[in-house]
Structures are given as C-alpha cells and as structure tokens.
Amino acid sequence: MNYYEEIKDKLIDVEIQNRVKDYSKNKYTLEKYLEIGKLLIEAQGGEKRAKYGDGLIRQYSNKLSIELGKKFNSTLLKRIRQFYILIIKGAPVAHQLSWSHYIELLSLKDLDAINYYIDKCIQNNLSRNKLRELIKLKEYERIPKNKLKLNEEISMNDLVPNPIVINNKNDKEVISEKVLQQLILEDLDNFLKQLGSGFTYIGHEYPIKLGDNYNYIDLLLFNYIYNCFVVIELKINELKKEYIGQLETYVNYINKNLKQINNNETIGLLVSKKNNKYIIEYSTNPNIYFKEYFII
C-alpha cells in the first residue's frame, strides 16, 4: 500500500467536504481524520512504534505542504495521529464537536477528563472557546470524584473552590466587608474565573427594598450555564447563623422580584473568613452554599 497517496487523497476529500456548510461537515472531517490516523500508525509500524515515527511524519508533511499547501504540516499530522490513538483508547467520536474542539482536548492526558469535557460540550452546546475556558479553569479537577463514580448530578457548589483566593494587590488591611468587596472588584475577572464557568457580573451594593428600608447585596451575579442569579454575601469573620437568615432573605427577594419564569432558583453564596461546620450541618436550604476566602 502507498500510505502517502492514501493519506493525501483523504486530506483532499476533507478539504472538498469542508466547503459544504452543514452539520455533516464535522462528521466527515472526524471520520476521515480517523482513517488517516490509522494509516499513519500502520505506516509507522503500529502504535508502540508511532512515537518514534516523527521522521516519517516530517517526510509526509514536507511533500503535502508542497502539493496541497502549507496547512498540511507536521503539526496537523501529529494531531491526527494523536486523535486516532485517543479514540481507540476510549474517547467517543462526537460529531457535535468540531476538529478545533478535539485539538483543545488533545492537550489533556486523563481520558476520564476528556470524556467529561466531551459530555459537557454535547450537553451545553459549547463552542471551542467555552471548552478552552472550562479546561483552563480545571473544572474537571474541581469535581468531587465520588460524585463522578456514583454518576451523581454535579452542582454549582461542587465547582466553586474552597477557599476562594482573593488577591490583595495594594496590601490593603481587610477590616470590613467593604474593603473585602473592593479587593474583589479590583480583580473582578480573576474572582469570577475562580468561581468557575458561566459567571457574569450584574452589580455590587445592589439595592433591594424590604418594607420601608433599603438593603444592599454585596455582589449580584448571574450564571448562564445554570441559568440562575447568584447572591454573594461577604463576611470577614467566622460564619454565624444570622448570616444565613440574611442571605436567605436576599435570595427570596431576587426570586420574587428579579427572577424570570424561565430562570432556575436563585443561589446564595456566603463567603466568610472561617466556616462553622456545625451551623452548616443544620442549614436546610439546598440553595445556600458556604465557602471560605483566603487573601494573598
């Protein structure tokens, strides 16, 4: 068999098919790349010898670059080979994902993590950029592995780290919730990424009117993945039971006055200097989460 000519013909087929702008394009590209990956492995003498076959990859890519164009370089062929190995080791060929999705996944070593991110892409119709964001935020690493083993539903609480790390770039003395809030706002992008994926900022000191009095929510966010508002209250000391009542009031207010019919129930996140496991144990509201903070 002339492996080079087989590989070249299949790459040409992919280029032709990629001009068709419909759903079948992804499927066709992935299937052809699998076939090419198989040919590359065979040409290199099997999977065990493939890692020593970069000389053949360079040889093929040099010829392909001349005959088909510069995009057909050794990087592409190595990725196609890696993609084939990934699939035969147990990752699914998900036609909802594009080749660019799989390029992001090829950077990962853990097959379980790869399968997790593939499922997330399918369930939430994630773009390549959103997938990259999840990987960068190490979402898979944050999940309690016992939940994955038991196939339990993963909640937002599972993905928010504990403690939440807050940067103090100006060495301010944290003597009040206002100062803590200011530190977060000064590095808001990093804080949102710390919480996980899907968080967007709505406002701070968000005013709500309870009877004749105004109260102010420390931070109000929205999570577009979980489709819900997120109320954050900041406390610079140890968790107290009255803090929970305050946060529940704010959550109930948002549910009644801001939440739309298509939104899920509002989440409350109480961020304190130190948690109290006994108070948390007897808190019965499943939509209230507790996290500590740590300042660096």
Protein backbone atom coordinates (compact mmCIF):
# COMPACT_ATOMS: atom_id res chain seq x y z
CA MET A 1 0.00 0.00 0.00
CA ASN A 2 1.18 3.52 -0.79
CA TYR A 3 0.37 5.14 2.56
CA TYR A 4 1.35 8.61 1.44
CA GLU A 5 -1.02 8.65 -1.56
CA GLU A 6 -3.86 7.26 0.60
CA ILE A 7 -3.32 9.99 3.19
CA LYS A 8 -3.11 12.73 0.54
CA ASP A 9 -6.34 11.58 -1.15
CA LYS A 10 -8.22 11.60 2.14
CA LEU A 11 -6.94 15.08 3.04
CA ILE A 12 -8.13 16.33 -0.34
CA ASP A 13 -11.54 14.77 0.32
CA VAL A 14 -11.71 16.62 3.66
CA GLU A 15 -10.90 19.94 2.00
CA ILE A 16 -13.65 19.41 -0.58
CA GLN A 17 -16.20 18.39 2.06
CA ASN A 18 -15.29 21.35 4.31
CA ARG A 19 -16.71 23.66 1.69
CA VAL A 20 -20.14 22.22 2.39
CA LYS A 21 -21.58 24.31 5.22
CA ASP A 22 -23.82 21.88 7.05
CA TYR A 23 -23.84 19.55 10.04
CA SER A 24 -22.29 16.66 8.12
CA LYS A 25 -19.01 18.58 7.73
CA ASN A 26 -17.80 17.83 11.27
CA LYS A 27 -18.77 14.18 11.00
CA TYR A 28 -16.99 13.75 7.69
CA THR A 29 -13.82 15.51 8.87
CA LEU A 30 -13.55 13.46 12.07
CA GLU A 31 -14.17 10.18 10.26
CA LYS A 32 -11.56 10.94 7.59
CA TYR A 33 -9.03 12.02 10.20
CA LEU A 34 -9.61 8.71 11.98
CA GLU A 35 -8.86 6.88 8.76
CA ILE A 36 -5.74 8.98 8.21
CA GLY A 37 -4.63 8.41 11.80
CA LYS A 38 -4.96 4.67 11.30
CA LEU A 39 -2.88 4.85 8.12
CA LEU A 40 -0.18 6.88 9.87
CA ILE A 41 0.05 4.35 12.70
CA GLU A 42 0.25 1.47 10.25
CA ALA A 43 2.86 3.26 8.14
CA GLN A 44 4.96 3.78 11.27
CA GLY A 45 4.78 0.12 12.24
CA GLY A 46 1.99 0.19 14.84
CA GLU A 47 1.04 2.24 17.91
CA LYS A 48 4.05 1.19 20.02
CA ARG A 49 6.44 2.45 17.37
CA ALA A 50 4.41 5.54 16.40
CA LYS A 51 6.17 7.87 18.83
CA TYR A 52 9.44 7.04 17.06
CA GLY A 53 7.95 7.76 13.63
CA ASP A 54 8.26 11.56 13.55
CA GLY A 55 10.74 11.24 10.70
CA LEU A 56 8.01 9.75 8.52
CA ILE A 57 5.61 12.48 9.66
CA ARG A 58 8.12 15.13 8.56
CA GLN A 59 8.64 13.37 5.26
CA TYR A 60 4.91 13.24 4.52
CA SER A 61 4.26 16.80 5.71
CA ASN A 62 7.06 18.21 3.54
CA LYS A 63 5.54 16.59 0.44
CA LEU A 64 1.97 17.53 1.41
CA SER A 65 2.94 21.16 2.03
CA ILE A 66 4.35 21.36 -1.49
CA GLU A 67 1.47 19.52 -3.19
CA LEU A 68 -1.54 20.71 -1.13
CA GLY A 69 -0.47 23.79 0.83
CA LYS A 70 1.36 24.90 3.97
CA LYS A 71 -1.50 24.00 6.34
CA PHE A 72 -0.69 20.31 5.83
CA ASN A 73 2.31 20.42 8.13
CA SER A 74 3.76 18.01 10.67
CA THR A 75 1.70 19.54 13.49
CA LEU A 76 -1.55 18.59 11.73
CA LEU A 77 -0.39 15.04 11.03
CA LYS A 78 0.80 14.56 14.62
CA ARG A 79 -2.57 15.78 15.91
CA ILE A 80 -4.42 13.42 13.58
CA ARG A 81 -2.28 10.54 14.81
CA GLN A 82 -2.90 11.57 18.43
CA PHE A 83 -6.64 11.86 17.73
CA TYR A 84 -6.77 8.30 16.40
CA ILE A 85 -4.91 6.96 19.44
CA LEU A 86 -7.27 8.88 21.74
CA ILE A 87 -10.35 7.35 20.09
CA ILE A 88 -9.08 3.77 20.16
CA LYS A 89 -8.31 4.23 23.87
CA GLY A 90 -11.94 5.00 24.62
CA ALA A 91 -12.90 8.60 23.83
CA PRO A 92 -16.08 8.91 21.73
CA VAL A 93 -16.23 10.39 18.25
CA ALA A 94 -18.79 13.09 19.00
CA HIS A 95 -20.00 14.61 15.75
CA GLN A 96 -21.41 17.59 17.65
CA LEU A 97 -17.78 18.60 18.26
CA SER A 98 -15.57 20.15 15.62
CA TRP A 99 -11.95 19.32 14.92
CA SER A 100 -10.99 22.50 16.80
CA HIS A 101 -12.74 21.08 19.91
CA TYR A 102 -10.65 17.95 19.68
CA ILE A 103 -7.46 19.98 19.29
CA GLU A 104 -8.21 21.51 22.72
CA LEU A 105 -8.84 18.05 24.19
CA LEU A 106 -5.60 16.61 22.82
CA SER A 107 -3.67 18.67 25.38
CA LEU A 108 -5.15 16.54 28.19
CA LYS A 109 -3.66 13.27 29.42
CA ASP A 110 -6.55 11.96 31.54
CA LEU A 111 -9.10 10.02 29.46
CA ASP A 112 -11.80 10.49 32.13
CA ALA A 113 -11.28 14.25 31.97
CA ILE A 114 -11.50 14.20 28.17
CA ASN A 115 -14.77 12.23 28.28
CA TYR A 116 -16.14 14.65 30.91
CA TYR A 117 -15.43 17.68 28.71
CA ILE A 118 -16.89 15.96 25.65
CA ASP A 119 -20.12 15.34 27.58
CA LYS A 120 -20.18 18.99 28.72
CA CYS A 121 -19.76 20.18 25.13
CA ILE A 122 -22.64 17.99 23.94
CA GLN A 123 -24.98 18.84 26.83
CA ASN A 124 -24.38 22.61 26.71
CA ASN A 125 -23.53 23.05 23.01
CA LEU A 126 -20.23 24.66 23.98
CA SER A 127 -18.07 26.49 21.48
CA ARG A 128 -14.35 25.78 21.20
CA ASN A 129 -13.62 28.93 23.24
CA LYS A 130 -16.01 27.90 26.02
CA LEU A 131 -14.40 24.46 26.12
CA ARG A 132 -10.97 26.08 26.37
CA GLU A 133 -12.24 28.18 29.28
CA LEU A 134 -13.50 25.10 31.17
CA ILE A 135 -10.17 23.34 30.68
CA LYS A 136 -8.24 26.43 31.79
CA LEU A 137 -10.40 26.68 34.92
CA LYS A 138 -9.73 22.98 35.63
CA GLU A 139 -13.43 22.28 36.07
CA TYR A 140 -12.97 18.52 35.98
CA GLU A 141 -10.32 18.64 38.71
CA ARG A 142 -12.68 20.59 40.96
CA ILE A 143 -15.43 17.97 40.97
CA PRO A 144 -15.58 15.54 43.92
CA LYS A 145 -14.55 12.28 42.31
CA ASN A 146 -17.01 10.27 44.41
CA LYS A 147 -19.84 12.07 42.59
CA LEU A 148 -18.38 11.11 39.23
CA LYS A 149 -18.02 7.47 40.28
CA LEU A 150 -21.60 7.33 41.54
CA ASN A 151 -22.80 9.26 38.48
CA GLU A 152 -24.46 11.84 40.74
CA GLU A 153 -25.61 15.22 39.48
CA ILE A 154 -22.88 17.85 39.76
CA SER A 155 -23.99 21.15 41.28
CA MET A 156 -22.50 24.62 41.11
CA ASN A 157 -21.33 24.13 44.69
CA ASP A 158 -19.11 21.26 43.57
CA LEU A 159 -17.30 23.53 41.11
CA VAL A 160 -16.67 26.54 43.36
CA PRO A 161 -13.33 26.06 45.17
CA ASN A 162 -12.92 26.27 48.92
CA PRO A 163 -11.26 28.50 49.90
CA ILE A 164 -11.74 31.20 47.27
CA VAL A 165 -8.45 33.01 46.77
CA ILE A 166 -8.70 36.82 46.72
CA ASN A 167 -5.80 38.97 45.53
CA ASN A 168 -4.69 41.95 47.61
CA LYS A 169 -2.62 43.86 45.08
CA ASN A 170 -2.39 47.06 47.13
CA ASP A 171 -1.82 45.42 50.54
CA LYS A 172 -5.00 46.88 51.99
CA GLU A 173 -5.86 45.99 55.57
CA VAL A 174 -9.09 43.98 55.45
CA ILE A 175 -11.05 45.48 58.31
CA SER A 176 -14.55 45.46 56.83
CA GLU A 177 -16.77 43.79 54.23
CA LYS A 178 -16.44 47.00 52.18
CA VAL A 179 -12.67 46.58 51.90
CA LEU A 180 -13.06 42.88 51.04
CA GLN A 181 -15.60 43.81 48.38
CA GLN A 182 -13.21 46.42 46.98
CA LEU A 183 -10.41 43.85 46.68
CA ILE A 184 -12.74 41.59 44.69
CA LEU A 185 -13.89 44.41 42.40
CA GLU A 186 -10.29 45.45 41.73
CA ASP A 187 -9.62 41.97 40.36
CA LEU A 188 -13.15 41.00 39.32
CA ASP A 189 -12.22 38.97 36.25
CA ASN A 190 -9.96 36.69 38.31
CA PHE A 191 -12.63 36.35 41.02
CA LEU A 192 -15.29 35.27 38.50
CA LYS A 193 -12.91 32.73 36.98
CA GLN A 194 -12.16 31.42 40.47
CA LEU A 195 -15.84 30.68 40.99
CA GLY A 196 -15.95 28.58 37.83
CA SER A 197 -17.53 28.87 34.41
CA GLY A 198 -20.57 30.85 33.36
CA PHE A 199 -20.50 33.67 35.95
CA THR A 200 -21.28 37.22 34.83
CA TYR A 201 -21.29 40.39 36.91
CA ILE A 202 -24.52 42.33 37.49
CA GLY A 203 -23.64 44.72 40.30
CA HIS A 204 -22.32 45.36 43.79
CA GLU A 205 -24.15 47.03 46.66
CA TYR A 206 -27.23 46.02 44.70
CA PRO A 207 -30.21 47.80 46.35
CA ILE A 208 -33.34 45.92 47.40
CA LYS A 209 -36.25 47.45 49.31
CA LEU A 210 -37.66 45.48 52.23
CA GLY A 211 -40.66 47.38 53.52
CA ASP A 212 -39.57 50.97 54.10
CA ASN A 213 -35.88 50.13 54.29
CA TYR A 214 -33.21 49.54 51.68
CA ASN A 215 -30.73 46.70 51.99
CA TYR A 216 -27.70 46.16 49.78
CA ILE A 217 -26.47 42.87 48.32
CA ASP A 218 -22.66 42.71 48.35
CA LEU A 219 -22.41 41.11 44.89
CA LEU A 220 -25.09 40.05 42.46
CA LEU A 221 -24.08 37.70 39.62
CA PHE A 222 -25.78 35.58 37.00
CA ASN A 223 -24.63 32.15 35.83
CA TYR A 224 -25.65 31.47 32.23
CA ILE A 225 -24.82 27.75 32.44
CA TYR A 226 -27.05 27.11 35.47
CA ASN A 227 -29.45 29.86 34.30
CA CYS A 228 -29.81 31.47 37.71
CA PHE A 229 -28.98 34.57 39.73
CA VAL A 230 -26.25 34.24 42.34
CA VAL A 231 -26.33 36.37 45.51
CA ILE A 232 -22.97 36.69 47.28
CA GLU A 233 -22.61 37.96 50.83
CA LEU A 234 -19.16 38.67 52.27
CA LYS A 235 -18.22 38.27 55.95
CA ILE A 236 -14.78 39.00 57.40
CA ASN A 237 -15.24 36.81 60.47
CA GLU A 238 -16.45 33.32 61.32
CA LEU A 239 -19.78 32.11 59.95
CA LYS A 240 -22.76 32.87 62.20
CA LYS A 241 -26.31 31.53 61.94
CA GLU A 242 -27.82 35.02 61.50
CA TYR A 243 -25.80 35.44 58.31
CA ILE A 244 -27.75 32.57 56.77
CA GLY A 245 -31.08 34.22 57.55
CA GLN A 246 -29.88 37.46 55.96
CA LEU A 247 -28.72 35.67 52.80
CA GLU A 248 -31.95 33.66 52.55
CA THR A 249 -33.93 36.90 52.68
CA TYR A 250 -31.91 38.33 49.80
CA VAL A 251 -32.26 35.13 47.78
CA ASN A 252 -36.03 35.10 48.31
CA TYR A 253 -36.23 38.74 47.24
CA ILE A 254 -34.38 38.05 43.97
CA ASN A 255 -36.61 35.01 43.33
CA LYS A 256 -39.72 37.12 43.80
CA ASN A 257 -38.71 40.35 42.10
CA LEU A 258 -35.92 39.69 39.60
CA LYS A 259 -36.05 36.03 38.60
CA GLN A 260 -37.87 35.33 35.33
CA ILE A 261 -40.18 32.38 34.79
CA ASN A 262 -37.55 30.60 32.69
CA ASN A 263 -34.76 31.07 35.27
CA ASN A 264 -33.82 28.46 37.85
CA GLU A 265 -33.96 29.15 41.58
CA THR A 266 -31.51 31.76 42.84
CA ILE A 267 -28.31 30.53 44.51
CA GLY A 268 -26.88 32.15 47.64
CA LEU A 269 -23.14 32.03 48.29
CA LEU A 270 -21.93 33.03 51.75
CA VAL A 271 -18.21 33.77 51.71
CA SER A 272 -16.71 34.08 55.20
CA LYS A 273 -13.27 34.17 56.78
CA LYS A 274 -13.95 30.86 58.53
CA ASN A 275 -16.77 28.38 58.22
CA ASN A 276 -18.57 26.75 61.12
CA LYS A 277 -19.29 23.11 60.31
CA TYR A 278 -22.00 22.83 62.98
CA ILE A 279 -24.01 25.74 61.58
CA ILE A 280 -23.57 24.41 58.03
CA GLU A 281 -24.67 20.92 59.14
CA TYR A 282 -28.02 22.23 60.34
CA SER A 283 -28.66 24.60 57.46
CA THR A 284 -31.54 23.13 55.48
CA ASN A 285 -31.65 25.41 52.43
CA PRO A 286 -30.15 23.46 49.48
CA ASN A 287 -29.64 26.68 47.50
CA ILE A 288 -27.31 28.26 50.08
CA TYR A 289 -23.61 27.43 49.74
CA PHE A 290 -20.77 28.18 52.12
CA LYS A 291 -17.18 28.98 51.16
CA GLU A 292 -14.19 30.44 52.96
CA TYR A 293 -11.86 33.04 51.47
CA PHE A 294 -8.11 33.35 51.62
CA ILE A 295 -6.22 36.57 50.83
CA ILE A 296 -2.83 36.57 49.11
